[in-house]
Every structure is written in C-alpha cells, then in structure tokens.
Amino acid sequence: VGQDTYPHARRLLITADAGGSNGYRTRAWKVELARLASDTGLE
C-alpha cells in the first residue's frame, strides 16, 4: 500500500507504544527497522 500511496516519499514517521515488541527498549526492533530503512531507502 504505502509505496503506491506515497510514490515520492523519502521519510516515514512511526508512532508506537513504549513497550512490547515495538518498545523503545527493544533492541531487535531497532535492528529490524534499520534493515527496513536500508532496503526501502526511507529515513
């Protein structure tokens, strides 16, 4: 959905809770997001 809706996007903002699988203390969450940023070219 996203890349077709926003074809000229260069950034992506994600708002999330403080805990759980997407918590700010979860290291694997940041690692997987870094991989997604590298693959999509999004900041």
ModelCIF file with pLDDT and N, C-alpha, C, O atoms, coordinates in Angstrom:
data_MODEL
#
_entry.id   MODEL 
#
_entity.id                         1 
_entity.type                       polymer 
_entity.pdbx_number_of_molecules   1 
#
_entity_poly.entity_id                      1 
_entity_poly.type                           'polypeptide(L)' 
_entity_poly.nstd_linkage                   no 
_entity_poly.nstd_monomer                   no 
_entity_poly.pdbx_seq_one_letter_code       VGQDTYPHARRLLITADAGGSNGYRTRAWKVELARLASDTGLE 
_entity_poly.pdbx_seq_one_letter_code_can   VGQDTYPHARRLLITADAGGSNGYRTRAWKVELARLASDTGLE 
_entity_poly.pdbx_strand_id                 A 
#
loop_
_entity_poly_seq.entity_id 
_entity_poly_seq.num 
_entity_poly_seq.mon_id 
_entity_poly_seq.hetero 
1 1  VAL n 
1 2  GLY n 
1 3  GLN n 
1 4  ASP n 
1 5  THR n 
1 6  TYR n 
1 7  PRO n 
1 8  HIS n 
1 9  ALA n 
1 10 ARG n 
1 11 ARG n 
1 12 LEU n 
1 13 LEU n 
1 14 ILE n 
1 15 THR n 
1 16 ALA n 
1 17 ASP n 
1 18 ALA n 
1 19 GLY n 
1 20 GLY n 
1 21 SER n 
1 22 ASN n 
1 23 GLY n 
1 24 TYR n 
1 25 ARG n 
1 26 THR n 
1 27 ARG n 
1 28 ALA n 
1 29 TRP n 
1 30 LYS n 
1 31 VAL n 
1 32 GLU n 
1 33 LEU n 
1 34 ALA n 
1 35 ARG n 
1 36 LEU n 
1 37 ALA n 
1 38 SER n 
1 39 ASP n 
1 40 THR n 
1 41 GLY n 
1 42 LEU n 
1 43 GLU n 
#
_struct_asym.id          A 
_struct_asym.entity_id   1 
#
loop_
_ma_qa_metric.id 
_ma_qa_metric.mode 
_ma_qa_metric.name 
_ma_qa_metric.software_group_id 
_ma_qa_metric.type 
1 global pLDDT . pLDDT 
2 local  pLDDT . pLDDT 
#
_ma_qa_metric_global.metric_id      1 
_ma_qa_metric_global.metric_value   94.07 
_ma_qa_metric_global.model_id       1 
_ma_qa_metric_global.ordinal_id     1 
#
loop_
_ma_qa_metric_local.label_asym_id 
_ma_qa_metric_local.label_comp_id 
_ma_qa_metric_local.label_seq_id 
_ma_qa_metric_local.metric_id 
_ma_qa_metric_local.metric_value 
_ma_qa_metric_local.model_id 
_ma_qa_metric_local.ordinal_id 
A VAL 1  2 94.00 1 1  
A GLY 2  2 94.00 1 2  
A GLN 3  2 94.00 1 3  
A ASP 4  2 94.00 1 4  
A THR 5  2 95.00 1 5  
A TYR 6  2 95.00 1 6  
A PRO 7  2 94.00 1 7  
A HIS 8  2 93.00 1 8  
A ALA 9  2 94.00 1 9  
A ARG 10 2 95.00 1 10 
A ARG 11 2 96.00 1 11 
A LEU 12 2 97.00 1 12 
A LEU 13 2 97.00 1 13 
A ILE 14 2 97.00 1 14 
A THR 15 2 96.00 1 15 
A ALA 16 2 95.00 1 16 
A ASP 17 2 93.00 1 17 
A ALA 18 2 91.00 1 18 
A GLY 19 2 90.00 1 19 
A GLY 20 2 91.00 1 20 
A SER 21 2 92.00 1 21 
A ASN 22 2 94.00 1 22 
A GLY 23 2 93.00 1 23 
A TYR 24 2 94.00 1 24 
A ARG 25 2 93.00 1 25 
A THR 26 2 93.00 1 26 
A ARG 27 2 93.00 1 27 
A ALA 28 2 93.00 1 28 
A TRP 29 2 95.00 1 29 
A LYS 30 2 95.00 1 30 
A VAL 31 2 93.00 1 31 
A GLU 32 2 94.00 1 32 
A LEU 33 2 96.00 1 33 
A ALA 34 2 95.00 1 34 
A ARG 35 2 93.00 1 35 
A LEU 36 2 95.00 1 36 
A ALA 37 2 95.00 1 37 
A SER 38 2 93.00 1 38 
A ASP 39 2 93.00 1 39 
A THR 40 2 94.00 1 40 
A GLY 41 2 93.00 1 41 
A LEU 42 2 95.00 1 42 
A GLU 43 2 96.00 1 43 
#
loop_
_atom_site.group_PDB 
_atom_site.id 
_atom_site.type_symbol 
_atom_site.label_atom_id 
_atom_site.label_alt_id 
_atom_site.label_comp_id 
_atom_site.label_asym_id 
_atom_site.label_entity_id 
_atom_site.label_seq_id 
_atom_site.pdbx_PDB_ins_code 
_atom_site.Cartn_x 
_atom_site.Cartn_y 
_atom_site.Cartn_z 
_atom_site.occupancy 
_atom_site.B_iso_or_equiv 
_atom_site.pdbx_formal_charge 
_atom_site.auth_seq_id 
_atom_site.auth_comp_id 
_atom_site.auth_asym_id 
_atom_site.auth_atom_id 
_atom_site.pdbx_PDB_model_num 
ATOM 1   N N  . VAL A 1 1  ? 0.818  -1.216 0.000  1.00 94.00 ? 1  VAL A N  1 
ATOM 2   C CA . VAL A 1 1  ? 0.000  0.000  0.000  1.00 94.00 ? 1  VAL A CA 1 
ATOM 3   C C  . VAL A 1 1  ? 0.851  1.266  0.000  1.00 94.00 ? 1  VAL A C  1 
ATOM 4   O O  . VAL A 1 1  ? 0.646  2.160  -0.821 1.00 94.00 ? 1  VAL A O  1 
ATOM 5   N N  . GLY A 1 2  ? 1.794  1.336  0.912  1.00 94.00 ? 2  GLY A N  1 
ATOM 6   C CA . GLY A 1 2  ? 2.498  2.582  1.175  1.00 94.00 ? 2  GLY A CA 1 
ATOM 7   C C  . GLY A 1 2  ? 3.233  3.153  -0.013 1.00 94.00 ? 2  GLY A C  1 
ATOM 8   O O  . GLY A 1 2  ? 3.097  4.342  -0.301 1.00 94.00 ? 2  GLY A O  1 
ATOM 9   N N  . GLN A 1 3  ? 4.015  2.335  -0.721 1.00 94.00 ? 3  GLN A N  1 
ATOM 10  C CA . GLN A 1 3  ? 4.831  2.877  -1.808 1.00 94.00 ? 3  GLN A CA 1 
ATOM 11  C C  . GLN A 1 3  ? 3.989  3.356  -2.988 1.00 94.00 ? 3  GLN A C  1 
ATOM 12  O O  . GLN A 1 3  ? 4.422  4.222  -3.748 1.00 94.00 ? 3  GLN A O  1 
ATOM 13  N N  . ASP A 1 4  ? 2.786  2.797  -3.147 1.00 94.00 ? 4  ASP A N  1 
ATOM 14  C CA . ASP A 1 4  ? 1.896  3.292  -4.209 1.00 94.00 ? 4  ASP A CA 1 
ATOM 15  C C  . ASP A 1 4  ? 1.164  4.560  -3.781 1.00 94.00 ? 4  ASP A C  1 
ATOM 16  O O  . ASP A 1 4  ? 0.914  5.444  -4.601 1.00 94.00 ? 4  ASP A O  1 
ATOM 17  N N  . THR A 1 5  ? 0.818  4.649  -2.490 1.00 95.00 ? 5  THR A N  1 
ATOM 18  C CA . THR A 1 5  ? 0.122  5.836  -1.993 1.00 95.00 ? 5  THR A CA 1 
ATOM 19  C C  . THR A 1 5  ? 1.055  7.033  -1.892 1.00 95.00 ? 5  THR A C  1 
ATOM 20  O O  . THR A 1 5  ? 0.646  8.170  -2.123 1.00 95.00 ? 5  THR A O  1 
ATOM 21  N N  . TYR A 1 6  ? 2.308  6.771  -1.548 1.00 95.00 ? 6  TYR A N  1 
ATOM 22  C CA . TYR A 1 6  ? 3.298  7.845  -1.380 1.00 95.00 ? 6  TYR A CA 1 
ATOM 23  C C  . TYR A 1 6  ? 4.503  7.559  -2.284 1.00 95.00 ? 6  TYR A C  1 
ATOM 24  O O  . TYR A 1 6  ? 5.561  7.178  -1.783 1.00 95.00 ? 6  TYR A O  1 
ATOM 25  N N  . PRO A 1 7  ? 4.366  7.732  -3.599 1.00 94.00 ? 7  PRO A N  1 
ATOM 26  C CA . PRO A 1 7  ? 5.469  7.368  -4.512 1.00 94.00 ? 7  PRO A CA 1 
ATOM 27  C C  . PRO A 1 7  ? 6.704  8.260  -4.379 1.00 94.00 ? 7  PRO A C  1 
ATOM 28  O O  . PRO A 1 7  ? 7.805  7.850  -4.747 1.00 94.00 ? 7  PRO A O  1 
ATOM 29  N N  . HIS A 1 8  ? 6.532  9.466  -3.859 1.00 93.00 ? 8  HIS A N  1 
ATOM 30  C CA . HIS A 1 8  ? 7.667  10.395 -3.761 1.00 93.00 ? 8  HIS A CA 1 
ATOM 31  C C  . HIS A 1 8  ? 8.164  10.536 -2.322 1.00 93.00 ? 8  HIS A C  1 
ATOM 32  O O  . HIS A 1 8  ? 8.922  11.454 -2.014 1.00 93.00 ? 8  HIS A O  1 
ATOM 33  N N  . ALA A 1 9  ? 7.745  9.644  -1.459 1.00 94.00 ? 9  ALA A N  1 
ATOM 34  C CA . ALA A 1 9  ? 8.136  9.752  -0.046 1.00 94.00 ? 9  ALA A CA 1 
ATOM 35  C C  . ALA A 1 9  ? 9.616  9.451  0.125  1.00 94.00 ? 9  ALA A C  1 
ATOM 36  O O  . ALA A 1 9  ? 10.171 8.568  -0.529 1.00 94.00 ? 9  ALA A O  1 
ATOM 37  N N  . ARG A 1 10 ? 10.232 10.197 1.010  1.00 95.00 ? 10 ARG A N  1 
ATOM 38  C CA . ARG A 1 10 ? 11.617 9.936  1.384  1.00 95.00 ? 10 ARG A CA 1 
ATOM 39  C C  . ARG A 1 10 ? 11.770 9.689  2.885  1.00 95.00 ? 10 ARG A C  1 
ATOM 40  O O  . ARG A 1 10 ? 12.835 9.304  3.367  1.00 95.00 ? 10 ARG A O  1 
ATOM 41  N N  . ARG A 1 11 ? 10.662 9.925  3.615  1.00 96.00 ? 11 ARG A N  1 
ATOM 42  C CA . ARG A 1 11 ? 10.686 9.712  5.058  1.00 96.00 ? 11 ARG A CA 1 
ATOM 43  C C  . ARG A 1 11 ? 9.434  8.938  5.484  1.00 96.00 ? 11 ARG A C  1 
ATOM 44  O O  . ARG A 1 11 ? 8.426  8.918  4.777  1.00 96.00 ? 11 ARG A O  1 
ATOM 45  N N  . LEU A 1 12 ? 9.522  8.309  6.644  1.00 97.00 ? 12 LEU A N  1 
ATOM 46  C CA . LEU A 1 12 ? 8.384  7.602  7.234  1.00 97.00 ? 12 LEU A CA 1 
ATOM 47  C C  . LEU A 1 12 ? 8.412  7.846  8.741  1.00 97.00 ? 12 LEU A C  1 
ATOM 48  O O  . LEU A 1 12 ? 9.425  7.624  9.404  1.00 97.00 ? 12 LEU A O  1 
ATOM 49  N N  . LEU A 1 13 ? 7.274  8.309  9.266  1.00 97.00 ? 13 LEU A N  1 
ATOM 50  C CA . LEU A 1 13 ? 7.162  8.536  10.709 1.00 97.00 ? 13 LEU A CA 1 
ATOM 51  C C  . LEU A 1 13 ? 6.283  7.441  11.309 1.00 97.00 ? 13 LEU A C  1 
ATOM 52  O O  . LEU A 1 13 ? 5.175  7.190  10.835 1.00 97.00 ? 13 LEU A O  1 
ATOM 53  N N  . ILE A 1 14 ? 6.786  6.801  12.346 1.00 97.00 ? 14 ILE A N  1 
ATOM 54  C CA . ILE A 1 14 ? 6.058  5.740  13.044 1.00 97.00 ? 14 ILE A CA 1 
ATOM 55  C C  . ILE A 1 14 ? 5.840  6.185  14.487 1.00 97.00 ? 14 ILE A C  1 
ATOM 56  O O  . ILE A 1 14 ? 6.792  6.525  15.190 1.00 97.00 ? 14 ILE A O  1 
ATOM 57  N N  . THR A 1 15 ? 4.579  6.179  14.925 1.00 96.00 ? 15 THR A N  1 
ATOM 58  C CA . THR A 1 15 ? 4.268  6.417  16.331 1.00 96.00 ? 15 THR A CA 1 
ATOM 59  C C  . THR A 1 15 ? 3.896  5.083  16.956 1.00 96.00 ? 15 THR A C  1 
ATOM 60  O O  . THR A 1 15 ? 3.087  4.337  16.405 1.00 96.00 ? 15 THR A O  1 
ATOM 61  N N  . ALA A 1 16 ? 4.485  4.785  18.103 1.00 95.00 ? 16 ALA A N  1 
ATOM 62  C CA . ALA A 1 16 ? 4.308  3.470  18.720 1.00 95.00 ? 16 ALA A CA 1 
ATOM 63  C C  . ALA A 1 16 ? 4.289  3.595  20.230 1.00 95.00 ? 16 ALA A C  1 
ATOM 64  O O  . ALA A 1 16 ? 4.669  4.622  20.793 1.00 95.00 ? 16 ALA A O  1 
ATOM 65  N N  . ASP A 1 17 ? 3.832  2.515  20.881 1.00 93.00 ? 17 ASP A N  1 
ATOM 66  C CA . ASP A 1 17 ? 3.831  2.474  22.337 1.00 93.00 ? 17 ASP A CA 1 
ATOM 67  C C  . ASP A 1 17 ? 5.258  2.417  22.865 1.00 93.00 ? 17 ASP A C  1 
ATOM 68  O O  . ASP A 1 17 ? 6.220  2.295  22.106 1.00 93.00 ? 17 ASP A O  1 
ATOM 69  N N  . ALA A 1 18 ? 5.367  2.508  24.194 1.00 91.00 ? 18 ALA A N  1 
ATOM 70  C CA . ALA A 1 18 ? 6.686  2.475  24.820 1.00 91.00 ? 18 ALA A CA 1 
ATOM 71  C C  . ALA A 1 18 ? 7.171  1.063  25.092 1.00 91.00 ? 18 ALA A C  1 
ATOM 72  O O  . ALA A 1 18 ? 8.360  0.856  25.332 1.00 91.00 ? 18 ALA A O  1 
ATOM 73  N N  . GLY A 1 19 ? 6.272  0.085  25.058 1.00 90.00 ? 19 GLY A N  1 
ATOM 74  C CA . GLY A 1 19 ? 6.661  -1.280 25.385 1.00 90.00 ? 19 GLY A CA 1 
ATOM 75  C C  . GLY A 1 19 ? 6.221  -2.266 24.328 1.00 90.00 ? 19 GLY A C  1 
ATOM 76  O O  . GLY A 1 19 ? 5.722  -1.890 23.267 1.00 90.00 ? 19 GLY A O  1 
ATOM 77  N N  . GLY A 1 20 ? 6.420  -3.560 24.645 1.00 91.00 ? 20 GLY A N  1 
ATOM 78  C CA . GLY A 1 20 ? 6.035  -4.614 23.714 1.00 91.00 ? 20 GLY A CA 1 
ATOM 79  C C  . GLY A 1 20 ? 7.081  -4.856 22.654 1.00 91.00 ? 20 GLY A C  1 
ATOM 80  O O  . GLY A 1 20 ? 8.238  -4.460 22.802 1.00 91.00 ? 20 GLY A O  1 
ATOM 81  N N  . SER A 1 21 ? 6.666  -5.516 21.570 1.00 92.00 ? 21 SER A N  1 
ATOM 82  C CA . SER A 1 21 ? 7.607  -5.850 20.503 1.00 92.00 ? 21 SER A CA 1 
ATOM 83  C C  . SER A 1 21 ? 8.141  -4.618 19.806 1.00 92.00 ? 21 SER A C  1 
ATOM 84  O O  . SER A 1 21 ? 9.220  -4.674 19.216 1.00 92.00 ? 21 SER A O  1 
ATOM 85  N N  . ASN A 1 22 ? 7.411  -3.485 19.854 1.00 94.00 ? 22 ASN A N  1 
ATOM 86  C CA . ASN A 1 22 ? 7.882  -2.248 19.240 1.00 94.00 ? 22 ASN A CA 1 
ATOM 87  C C  . ASN A 1 22 ? 8.250  -1.201 20.295 1.00 94.00 ? 22 ASN A C  1 
ATOM 88  O O  . ASN A 1 22 ? 8.122  -0.002 20.046 1.00 94.00 ? 22 ASN A O  1 
ATOM 89  N N  . GLY A 1 23 ? 8.704  -1.643 21.462 1.00 93.00 ? 23 GLY A N  1 
ATOM 90  C CA . GLY A 1 23 ? 9.070  -0.731 22.536 1.00 93.00 ? 23 GLY A CA 1 
ATOM 91  C C  . GLY A 1 23 ? 10.409 -0.066 22.311 1.00 93.00 ? 23 GLY A C  1 
ATOM 92  O O  . GLY A 1 23 ? 11.242 -0.555 21.548 1.00 93.00 ? 23 GLY A O  1 
ATOM 93  N N  . TYR A 1 24 ? 10.605 1.048  22.980 1.00 94.00 ? 24 TYR A N  1 
ATOM 94  C CA . TYR A 1 24 ? 11.847 1.804  22.777 1.00 94.00 ? 24 TYR A CA 1 
ATOM 95  C C  . TYR A 1 24 ? 13.054 1.113  23.393 1.00 94.00 ? 24 TYR A C  1 
ATOM 96  O O  . TYR A 1 24 ? 14.189 1.470  23.078 1.00 94.00 ? 24 TYR A O  1 
ATOM 97  N N  . ARG A 1 25 ? 12.837 0.134  24.264 1.00 93.00 ? 25 ARG A N  1 
ATOM 98  C CA . ARG A 1 25 ? 13.950 -0.616 24.852 1.00 93.00 ? 25 ARG A CA 1 
ATOM 99  C C  . ARG A 1 25 ? 14.268 -1.902 24.086 1.00 93.00 ? 25 ARG A C  1 
ATOM 100 O O  . ARG A 1 25 ? 15.252 -2.576 24.392 1.00 93.00 ? 25 ARG A O  1 
ATOM 101 N N  . THR A 1 26 ? 13.454 -2.240 23.108 1.00 93.00 ? 26 THR A N  1 
ATOM 102 C CA . THR A 1 26 ? 13.637 -3.483 22.361 1.00 93.00 ? 26 THR A CA 1 
ATOM 103 C C  . THR A 1 26 ? 14.699 -3.285 21.289 1.00 93.00 ? 26 THR A C  1 
ATOM 104 O O  . THR A 1 26 ? 14.474 -2.574 20.310 1.00 93.00 ? 26 THR A O  1 
ATOM 105 N N  . ARG A 1 27 ? 15.848 -3.907 21.473 1.00 93.00 ? 27 ARG A N  1 
ATOM 106 C CA . ARG A 1 27 ? 16.951 -3.708 20.537 1.00 93.00 ? 27 ARG A CA 1 
ATOM 107 C C  . ARG A 1 27 ? 16.655 -4.308 19.165 1.00 93.00 ? 27 ARG A C  1 
ATOM 108 O O  . ARG A 1 27 ? 16.986 -3.719 18.136 1.00 93.00 ? 27 ARG A O  1 
ATOM 109 N N  . ALA A 1 28 ? 16.023 -5.495 19.161 1.00 93.00 ? 28 ALA A N  1 
ATOM 110 C CA . ALA A 1 28 ? 15.720 -6.137 17.879 1.00 93.00 ? 28 ALA A CA 1 
ATOM 111 C C  . ALA A 1 28 ? 14.788 -5.279 17.030 1.00 93.00 ? 28 ALA A C  1 
ATOM 112 O O  . ALA A 1 28 ? 14.859 -5.326 15.802 1.00 93.00 ? 28 ALA A O  1 
ATOM 113 N N  . TRP A 1 29 ? 13.917 -4.498 17.661 1.00 95.00 ? 29 TRP A N  1 
ATOM 114 C CA . TRP A 1 29 ? 13.028 -3.586 16.941 1.00 95.00 ? 29 TRP A CA 1 
ATOM 115 C C  . TRP A 1 29 ? 13.832 -2.563 16.146 1.00 95.00 ? 29 TRP A C  1 
ATOM 116 O O  . TRP A 1 29 ? 13.522 -2.289 14.986 1.00 95.00 ? 29 TRP A O  1 
ATOM 117 N N  . LYS A 1 30 ? 14.845 -2.011 16.759 1.00 95.00 ? 30 LYS A N  1 
ATOM 118 C CA . LYS A 1 30 ? 15.672 -1.017 16.079 1.00 95.00 ? 30 LYS A CA 1 
ATOM 119 C C  . LYS A 1 30 ? 16.505 -1.656 14.975 1.00 95.00 ? 30 LYS A C  1 
ATOM 120 O O  . LYS A 1 30 ? 16.725 -1.048 13.928 1.00 95.00 ? 30 LYS A O  1 
ATOM 121 N N  . VAL A 1 31 ? 16.971 -2.887 15.210 1.00 93.00 ? 31 VAL A N  1 
ATOM 122 C CA . VAL A 1 31 ? 17.747 -3.582 14.188 1.00 93.00 ? 31 VAL A CA 1 
ATOM 123 C C  . VAL A 1 31 ? 16.889 -3.861 12.960 1.00 93.00 ? 31 VAL A C  1 
ATOM 124 O O  . VAL A 1 31 ? 17.324 -3.627 11.832 1.00 93.00 ? 31 VAL A O  1 
ATOM 125 N N  . GLU A 1 32 ? 15.681 -4.358 13.172 1.00 94.00 ? 32 GLU A N  1 
ATOM 126 C CA . GLU A 1 32 ? 14.801 -4.662 12.047 1.00 94.00 ? 32 GLU A CA 1 
ATOM 127 C C  . GLU A 1 32 ? 14.391 -3.390 11.308 1.00 94.00 ? 32 GLU A C  1 
ATOM 128 O O  . GLU A 1 32 ? 14.272 -3.404 10.083 1.00 94.00 ? 32 GLU A O  1 
ATOM 129 N N  . LEU A 1 33 ? 14.173 -2.296 12.030 1.00 96.00 ? 33 LEU A N  1 
ATOM 130 C CA . LEU A 1 33 ? 13.845 -1.028 11.369 1.00 96.00 ? 33 LEU A CA 1 
ATOM 131 C C  . LEU A 1 33 ? 15.018 -0.515 10.545 1.00 96.00 ? 33 LEU A C  1 
ATOM 132 O O  . LEU A 1 33 ? 14.830 0.037  9.460  1.00 96.00 ? 33 LEU A O  1 
ATOM 133 N N  . ALA A 1 34 ? 16.229 -0.699 11.064 1.00 95.00 ? 34 ALA A N  1 
ATOM 134 C CA . ALA A 1 34 ? 17.407 -0.284 10.293 1.00 95.00 ? 34 ALA A CA 1 
ATOM 135 C C  . ALA A 1 34 ? 17.508 -1.083 8.996  1.00 95.00 ? 34 ALA A C  1 
ATOM 136 O O  . ALA A 1 34 ? 17.866 -0.539 7.952  1.00 95.00 ? 34 ALA A O  1 
ATOM 137 N N  . ARG A 1 35 ? 17.192 -2.369 9.068  1.00 93.00 ? 35 ARG A N  1 
ATOM 138 C CA . ARG A 1 35 ? 17.190 -3.191 7.854  1.00 93.00 ? 35 ARG A CA 1 
ATOM 139 C C  . ARG A 1 35 ? 16.106 -2.714 6.885  1.00 93.00 ? 35 ARG A C  1 
ATOM 140 O O  . ARG A 1 35 ? 16.334 -2.675 5.676  1.00 93.00 ? 35 ARG A O  1 
ATOM 141 N N  . LEU A 1 36 ? 14.926 -2.349 7.407  1.00 95.00 ? 36 LEU A N  1 
ATOM 142 C CA . LEU A 1 36 ? 13.853 -1.849 6.547  1.00 95.00 ? 36 LEU A CA 1 
ATOM 143 C C  . LEU A 1 36 ? 14.251 -0.522 5.896  1.00 95.00 ? 36 LEU A C  1 
ATOM 144 O O  . LEU A 1 36 ? 13.987 -0.307 4.713  1.00 95.00 ? 36 LEU A O  1 
ATOM 145 N N  . ALA A 1 37 ? 14.876 0.352  6.657  1.00 95.00 ? 37 ALA A N  1 
ATOM 146 C CA . ALA A 1 37 ? 15.315 1.629  6.097  1.00 95.00 ? 37 ALA A CA 1 
ATOM 147 C C  . ALA A 1 37 ? 16.335 1.419  4.989  1.00 95.00 ? 37 ALA A C  1 
ATOM 148 O O  . ALA A 1 37 ? 16.301 2.103  3.966  1.00 95.00 ? 37 ALA A O  1 
ATOM 149 N N  . SER A 1 38 ? 17.254 0.458  5.198  1.00 93.00 ? 38 SER A N  1 
ATOM 150 C CA . SER A 1 38 ? 18.267 0.181  4.185  1.00 93.00 ? 38 SER A CA 1 
ATOM 151 C C  . SER A 1 38 ? 17.651 -0.396 2.921  1.00 93.00 ? 38 SER A C  1 
ATOM 152 O O  . SER A 1 38 ? 18.090 -0.081 1.814  1.00 93.00 ? 38 SER A O  1 
ATOM 153 N N  . ASP A 1 39 ? 16.630 -1.245 3.080  1.00 93.00 ? 39 ASP A N  1 
ATOM 154 C CA . ASP A 1 39 ? 16.014 -1.892 1.916  1.00 93.00 ? 39 ASP A CA 1 
ATOM 155 C C  . ASP A 1 39 ? 15.110 -0.951 1.141  1.00 93.00 ? 39 ASP A C  1 
ATOM 156 O O  . ASP A 1 39 ? 15.044 -1.039 -0.085 1.00 93.00 ? 39 ASP A O  1 
ATOM 157 N N  . THR A 1 40 ? 14.411 -0.052 1.822  1.00 94.00 ? 40 THR A N  1 
ATOM 158 C CA . THR A 1 40 ? 13.446 0.829  1.154  1.00 94.00 ? 40 THR A CA 1 
ATOM 159 C C  . THR A 1 40 ? 14.013 2.194  0.789  1.00 94.00 ? 40 THR A C  1 
ATOM 160 O O  . THR A 1 40 ? 13.423 2.907  -0.024 1.00 94.00 ? 40 THR A O  1 
ATOM 161 N N  . GLY A 1 41 ? 15.138 2.568  1.370  1.00 93.00 ? 41 GLY A N  1 
ATOM 162 C CA . GLY A 1 41 ? 15.695 3.889  1.120  1.00 93.00 ? 41 GLY A CA 1 
ATOM 163 C C  . GLY A 1 41 ? 14.977 4.992  1.862  1.00 93.00 ? 41 GLY A C  1 
ATOM 164 O O  . GLY A 1 41 ? 15.182 6.170  1.570  1.00 93.00 ? 41 GLY A O  1 
ATOM 165 N N  . LEU A 1 42 ? 14.123 4.626  2.832  1.00 95.00 ? 42 LEU A N  1 
ATOM 166 C CA . LEU A 1 42 ? 13.384 5.616  3.604  1.00 95.00 ? 42 LEU A CA 1 
ATOM 167 C C  . LEU A 1 42 ? 14.149 5.989  4.868  1.00 95.00 ? 42 LEU A C  1 
ATOM 168 O O  . LEU A 1 42 ? 14.839 5.167  5.470  1.00 95.00 ? 42 LEU A O  1 
ATOM 169 N N  . GLU A 1 43 ? 14.004 7.233  5.241  1.00 96.00 ? 43 GLU A N  1 
ATOM 170 C CA . GLU A 1 43 ? 14.515 7.697  6.528  1.00 96.00 ? 43 GLU A CA 1 
ATOM 171 C C  . GLU A 1 43 ? 13.388 7.510  7.544  1.00 96.00 ? 43 GLU A C  1 
ATOM 172 O O  . GLU A 1 43 ? 13.559 7.827  8.721  1.00 96.00 ? 43 GLU A O  1 
#
